[in-house]
Protein backbone atom coordinates (compact mmCIF):
# COMPACT_ATOMS: atom_id res chain seq x y z
CA MET A 1 15.93 4.46 -13.74
CA GLN A 2 18.03 3.09 -16.60
CA ASP A 3 15.06 3.30 -18.98
CA ARG A 4 14.31 6.85 -17.87
CA LEU A 5 17.98 7.81 -18.21
CA ALA A 6 18.09 6.42 -21.75
CA ALA A 7 14.84 8.14 -22.70
CA ASP A 8 16.04 11.49 -21.38
CA ALA A 9 19.37 11.06 -23.17
CA GLY A 10 17.44 10.60 -26.42
CA ARG A 11 15.35 13.70 -25.78
CA ILE A 12 18.45 15.75 -25.01
CA GLU A 13 20.17 14.52 -28.17
CA ALA A 14 17.13 15.37 -30.30
CA HIS A 15 16.75 18.83 -28.77
CA LEU A 16 20.41 19.66 -29.30
CA ASP A 17 20.10 18.53 -32.93
CA ARG A 18 17.21 20.95 -33.42
CA VAL A 19 19.19 23.78 -31.87
CA PHE A 20 22.26 23.08 -34.01
CA GLY A 21 20.04 22.94 -37.09
CA ALA A 22 19.79 26.75 -36.94
CA TYR A 23 23.58 27.18 -36.96
CA PRO A 24 25.58 27.85 -40.15
CA VAL A 25 27.54 24.98 -41.64
CA GLY A 26 31.20 25.06 -40.63
CA PRO A 27 33.85 23.49 -38.41
CA VAL A 28 32.67 25.20 -35.21
CA THR A 29 29.10 23.93 -35.65
CA GLU A 30 30.34 20.46 -36.53
CA GLY A 31 32.67 20.53 -33.54
CA MET A 32 29.78 21.51 -31.26
CA ARG A 33 27.70 18.58 -32.51
CA TYR A 34 30.68 16.26 -32.16
CA ALA A 35 31.51 17.38 -28.62
CA THR A 36 27.96 16.97 -27.33
CA ARG A 37 27.42 13.54 -28.87
CA GLY A 38 27.31 10.52 -26.58
CA GLY A 39 28.04 10.35 -22.88
CA LYS A 40 25.76 9.15 -20.09
CA ARG A 41 23.81 12.45 -19.78
CA ILE A 42 23.78 12.19 -15.98
CA ARG A 43 23.72 15.96 -15.50
CA GLY A 44 20.87 16.41 -17.95
CA PHE A 45 19.00 13.55 -16.31
CA LEU A 46 19.39 15.23 -12.90
CA VAL A 47 17.74 18.36 -14.31
CA MET A 48 14.88 16.38 -15.86
CA GLU A 49 14.31 14.21 -12.79
CA SER A 50 14.45 17.08 -10.31
CA ALA A 51 11.96 18.92 -12.53
CA ARG A 52 9.57 15.94 -12.45
CA LEU A 53 9.89 15.91 -8.69
CA HIS A 54 8.52 19.46 -8.63
CA GLY A 55 5.82 19.17 -11.29
CA ILE A 56 7.77 20.94 -14.05
CA SER A 57 7.01 19.71 -17.56
CA GLY A 58 9.58 17.97 -19.72
CA GLU A 59 9.06 20.62 -22.39
CA ALA A 60 10.27 23.26 -19.95
CA ALA A 61 13.02 21.20 -18.33
CA ILE A 62 14.65 20.12 -21.60
CA TRP A 63 16.12 23.61 -22.06
CA PRO A 64 18.22 23.71 -18.86
CA ALA A 65 18.92 19.97 -19.26
CA CYS A 66 20.51 20.60 -22.66
CA ALA A 67 22.22 23.69 -21.26
CA ILE A 68 24.09 21.74 -18.60
CA GLU A 69 25.12 19.13 -21.17
CA ALA A 70 26.46 21.87 -23.46
CA LEU A 71 28.37 23.46 -20.61
CA HIS A 72 29.77 20.11 -19.50
CA ALA A 73 30.85 19.40 -23.10
CA TYR A 74 32.62 22.77 -23.27
CA SER A 75 34.53 21.92 -20.10
CA LEU A 76 35.67 18.61 -21.58
CA VAL A 77 36.75 20.16 -24.89
CA HIS A 78 38.92 22.70 -23.07
CA ASP A 79 40.11 20.19 -20.46
CA ASP A 80 41.40 17.92 -23.25
CA LEU A 81 43.56 20.68 -24.78
CA PRO A 82 47.36 20.31 -24.65
CA ALA A 83 47.62 23.22 -22.21
CA MET A 84 45.28 21.42 -19.79
CA ASP A 85 45.11 17.60 -19.54
CA ASP A 86 46.40 16.98 -23.07
CA ASP A 87 44.12 14.06 -23.98
CA ASP A 88 43.74 12.58 -27.46
CA ILE A 89 40.70 10.39 -26.82
CA ARG A 90 37.30 11.26 -25.34
CA ARG A 91 34.30 8.90 -25.33
CA GLY A 92 36.25 6.53 -27.55
CA GLN A 93 36.77 9.16 -30.27
CA PRO A 94 39.54 11.66 -31.09
CA THR A 95 39.20 14.79 -28.99
CA VAL A 96 38.06 17.96 -30.74
CA HIS A 97 41.53 19.48 -31.04
CA VAL A 98 42.81 16.24 -32.56
CA ARG A 99 39.85 15.88 -34.94
CA TRP A 100 40.21 19.52 -36.05
CA ASP A 101 42.87 21.74 -34.42
CA GLU A 102 43.48 23.64 -31.19
CA ALA A 103 42.01 26.94 -32.40
CA THR A 104 38.80 25.23 -33.49
CA ALA A 105 38.58 23.38 -30.17
CA ILE A 106 38.90 26.62 -28.22
CA LEU A 107 36.16 28.21 -30.32
CA VAL A 108 33.93 25.14 -30.02
CA GLY A 109 34.25 25.29 -26.23
CA ASP A 110 33.55 29.02 -26.21
CA ALA A 111 30.47 28.53 -28.38
CA LEU A 112 29.13 25.69 -26.23
CA GLN A 113 29.53 27.78 -23.08
CA SER A 114 27.59 30.64 -24.67
CA LEU A 115 24.94 28.20 -25.90
CA ALA A 116 24.43 26.92 -22.36
CA PHE A 117 23.38 30.35 -21.14
CA GLU A 118 21.33 31.01 -24.26
CA MET A 119 19.30 27.84 -23.67
CA THR A 120 18.95 28.43 -19.94
CA SER A 121 17.49 31.87 -20.55
CA ASP A 122 15.40 31.01 -23.63
CA PRO A 123 11.75 32.08 -23.13
CA GLN A 124 10.62 29.16 -25.30
CA SER A 125 10.98 27.01 -22.19
CA GLY A 126 7.86 28.67 -20.78
CA LEU A 127 9.56 29.15 -17.43
CA SER A 128 8.97 32.42 -15.60
CA ASP A 129 11.40 35.30 -16.00
CA ALA A 130 12.37 34.90 -12.34
CA ALA A 131 13.08 31.17 -12.72
CA ARG A 132 15.20 31.67 -15.82
CA ALA A 133 17.15 34.48 -14.20
CA GLU A 134 17.81 32.32 -11.14
CA LEU A 135 18.98 29.43 -13.32
CA VAL A 136 21.34 31.66 -15.32
CA HIS A 137 22.76 33.34 -12.22
CA THR A 138 23.41 30.08 -10.38
CA LEU A 139 24.81 28.35 -13.49
CA ALA A 140 27.30 31.18 -13.98
CA ARG A 141 28.41 30.80 -10.37
CA ALA A 142 28.68 27.00 -10.61
CA ALA A 143 30.66 27.14 -13.85
CA GLY A 144 33.05 29.99 -13.12
CA GLY A 145 35.71 31.18 -10.72
CA GLN A 146 33.74 30.10 -7.65
CA GLY A 147 32.91 26.65 -9.01
CA MET A 148 34.16 24.44 -11.84
CA VAL A 149 36.89 26.75 -13.14
CA LEU A 150 38.20 27.26 -9.61
CA GLY A 151 38.34 23.49 -9.21
CA GLN A 152 40.22 23.15 -12.50
CA ALA A 153 42.68 25.86 -11.44
CA ARG A 154 43.30 24.07 -8.15
CA ASP A 155 43.82 20.82 -10.04
CA ILE A 156 46.43 22.40 -12.29
CA ALA A 157 48.17 23.98 -9.30
CA ALA A 158 48.27 20.58 -7.58
CA GLU A 159 50.24 19.14 -10.49
CA ASN A 160 53.05 21.59 -9.79
CA ALA A 161 52.87 21.47 -5.99
CA THR A 162 55.86 20.20 -4.02
CA THR A 163 53.65 18.13 -1.71
CA PRO A 164 50.53 16.09 -2.58
CA LEU A 165 47.13 17.40 -1.56
CA THR A 166 45.50 16.16 1.63
CA LEU A 167 42.15 14.39 1.63
CA ASP A 168 40.38 17.57 2.74
CA GLU A 169 42.08 19.56 -0.02
CA ILE A 170 41.08 17.04 -2.68
CA THR A 171 37.50 17.10 -1.41
CA VAL A 172 37.39 20.89 -1.74
CA LEU A 173 39.02 20.78 -5.18
CA GLN A 174 36.58 18.21 -6.52
CA SER A 175 33.56 19.97 -5.01
CA GLY A 176 34.31 22.67 -7.58
CA LYS A 177 35.69 20.74 -10.53
CA THR A 178 33.09 17.96 -10.52
CA GLY A 179 30.54 18.75 -7.85
CA ALA A 180 29.47 22.28 -8.79
CA LEU A 181 27.75 21.34 -12.05
CA ILE A 182 26.20 18.22 -10.50
CA GLU A 183 24.77 20.36 -7.69
CA TRP A 184 23.35 22.87 -10.16
CA ALA A 185 21.73 20.09 -12.18
CA ALA A 186 20.22 18.37 -9.15
CA THR A 187 18.77 21.58 -7.74
CA ALA A 188 17.49 22.94 -11.08
CA GLY A 189 13.99 21.49 -10.65
CA ALA A 190 13.55 23.18 -7.30
CA ARG A 191 14.80 26.47 -8.76
CA MET A 192 12.37 26.18 -11.66
CA ALA A 193 9.51 25.67 -9.21
CA GLY A 194 10.66 28.27 -6.68
CA ALA A 195 10.89 25.53 -4.06
CA ASP A 196 13.41 24.77 -1.30
CA SER A 197 16.52 23.28 -2.90
CA ALA A 198 18.28 22.30 0.35
CA PRO A 199 17.43 18.56 0.27
CA LEU A 200 18.60 18.25 -3.35
CA ARG A 201 21.72 20.26 -2.57
CA ALA A 202 22.61 17.84 0.24
CA TYR A 203 21.92 14.93 -2.12
CA ALA A 204 24.10 16.45 -4.83
CA THR A 205 27.02 17.22 -2.50
CA ALA A 206 27.29 13.56 -1.55
CA LEU A 207 26.55 12.37 -5.10
CA GLY A 208 29.23 14.59 -6.63
CA GLN A 209 31.92 13.29 -4.31
CA ALA A 210 30.84 9.68 -4.85
CA PHE A 211 30.94 10.31 -8.60
CA GLN A 212 34.52 11.58 -8.41
CA ILE A 213 35.66 8.70 -6.21
CA GLN A 214 34.28 6.27 -8.76
CA ASP A 215 36.13 8.18 -11.50
CA ASP A 216 39.33 7.78 -9.49
CA LEU A 217 38.64 4.05 -9.08
CA ILE A 218 38.01 3.66 -12.82
CA ASP A 219 41.26 5.49 -13.56
CA VAL A 220 43.11 2.85 -11.54
CA THR A 221 41.17 -0.30 -12.43
CA GLY A 222 39.73 0.43 -15.88
CA SER A 223 41.15 0.03 -19.37
CA ALA A 224 41.35 2.78 -21.98
CA ALA A 225 39.38 0.62 -24.44
CA ALA A 226 36.48 0.19 -22.02
CA VAL A 227 36.54 3.70 -20.58
CA GLY A 228 36.96 5.50 -23.89
CA LYS A 229 39.77 7.76 -22.69
CA ALA A 230 43.26 7.48 -21.22
CA VAL A 231 43.51 5.92 -17.76
CA GLY A 232 46.26 5.84 -15.15
CA LYS A 233 47.30 9.43 -15.80
CA ASP A 234 46.91 10.58 -12.20
CA ALA A 235 49.16 7.84 -10.86
CA ALA A 236 51.73 8.46 -13.59
CA ALA A 237 51.80 12.15 -12.67
CA GLY A 238 52.07 11.36 -8.96
CA LYS A 239 48.84 13.22 -8.18
CA ALA A 240 47.01 12.54 -4.94
CA THR A 241 43.50 11.15 -5.45
CA PHE A 242 40.83 9.60 -3.26
CA VAL A 243 42.23 6.19 -4.21
CA SER A 244 45.88 7.05 -3.55
CA LEU A 245 44.98 8.38 -0.10
CA LEU A 246 42.28 5.92 0.93
CA GLY A 247 43.32 2.81 -1.00
CA LEU A 248 40.99 0.87 -3.30
CA GLU A 249 38.83 -0.64 -0.56
CA GLY A 250 38.80 2.54 1.48
CA ALA A 251 37.67 4.55 -1.53
CA LYS A 252 34.92 2.05 -2.31
CA THR A 253 33.70 2.17 1.29
CA ARG A 254 33.69 5.97 1.31
CA ALA A 255 31.74 6.06 -1.98
CA ALA A 256 29.14 3.64 -0.63
CA THR A 257 28.73 5.71 2.53
CA LEU A 258 28.27 8.84 0.44
CA VAL A 259 25.55 7.13 -1.60
CA ASP A 260 23.73 6.28 1.63
CA THR A 261 24.02 9.93 2.66
CA ALA A 262 22.69 11.06 -0.72
CA CYS A 263 19.71 8.72 -0.52
CA ASP A 264 18.92 9.76 3.06
CA ALA A 265 18.84 13.42 1.99
CA LEU A 266 15.85 12.62 -0.25
CA SER A 267 13.66 11.27 2.55
CA CYS A 268 11.28 14.23 2.33
CA TYR A 269 10.36 13.18 -1.21
CA GLN A 270 9.56 9.59 -0.16
CA ASP A 271 9.07 7.21 -3.12
CA ASN A 272 8.91 10.05 -5.63
CA ALA A 273 12.71 10.25 -5.52
CA ALA A 274 13.27 6.57 -6.30
CA ASN A 275 14.97 7.34 -9.62
CA LEU A 276 17.39 9.75 -7.96
CA ARG A 277 18.27 7.14 -5.34
CA ASP A 278 18.83 4.57 -8.09
CA LEU A 279 21.03 7.06 -9.93
CA ALA A 280 23.23 7.45 -6.85
CA ARG A 281 23.70 3.68 -6.70
CA PHE A 282 24.39 3.58 -10.44
CA VAL A 283 27.07 6.26 -10.14
CA ILE A 284 29.31 4.02 -8.02
CA SER A 285 28.62 0.87 -10.04
CA ARG A 286 29.50 2.28 -13.47
CA GLN A 287 32.75 1.30 -15.17
CA THR A 288 32.97 4.21 -17.63
């Protein structure tokens, strides 16, 4: 799985470089390149792996795989802004608004969001019109006011709430903020093939929550140097998290149980889903 993840990350990087090669030289283009550089490419890998599971070629899958990485990068650029999480470091480098300025960062995020839908709908992928339309429609829903943006809004509201969120409320919040894009990525292969996406949706629901729990654990136990961004911000702000409510050991146990649930959801694919099962285990073992 690690070799496949690294190979797909390289393919995604190369494809994005080709796409950016057609853009005019300027701070927005440079900011787009900068914002999409690095990272683990887990969302893109989910697209590529779910496509393989359904017999979709890598040449076709690379377009939506790069799209989800562009959209994820946009969300990070905007999330780092002073009006949002106000972070100066991302992936061990200055955030876009620090490297350039706030106006450029806003425009970079806007451009990356638009690029995501451009790549998802691009006929060069060779996907059918129906498949591309389905991918665009579901990506818009996952990214917007019913998905990621709704989760972000709930997160901001929680910072100003008089009482901390309950465990159920955090689960709902994170299912939008983190889980919506992970679910879209994991089900993309089935959508490309016109197949049943229910098993991959169940897998992704558990995976997304496990991913967020591990993020909460890293925020408590990790160092900024190792993680590549600020840590301990949730505790400093008094925000409720999976760790604050469950404790370190309780959060680890819940994450492990979720990984088992994710792996069980893939039983219909038998050994063909081995890489996706390994990814679920990797998600809760990572330290960045």
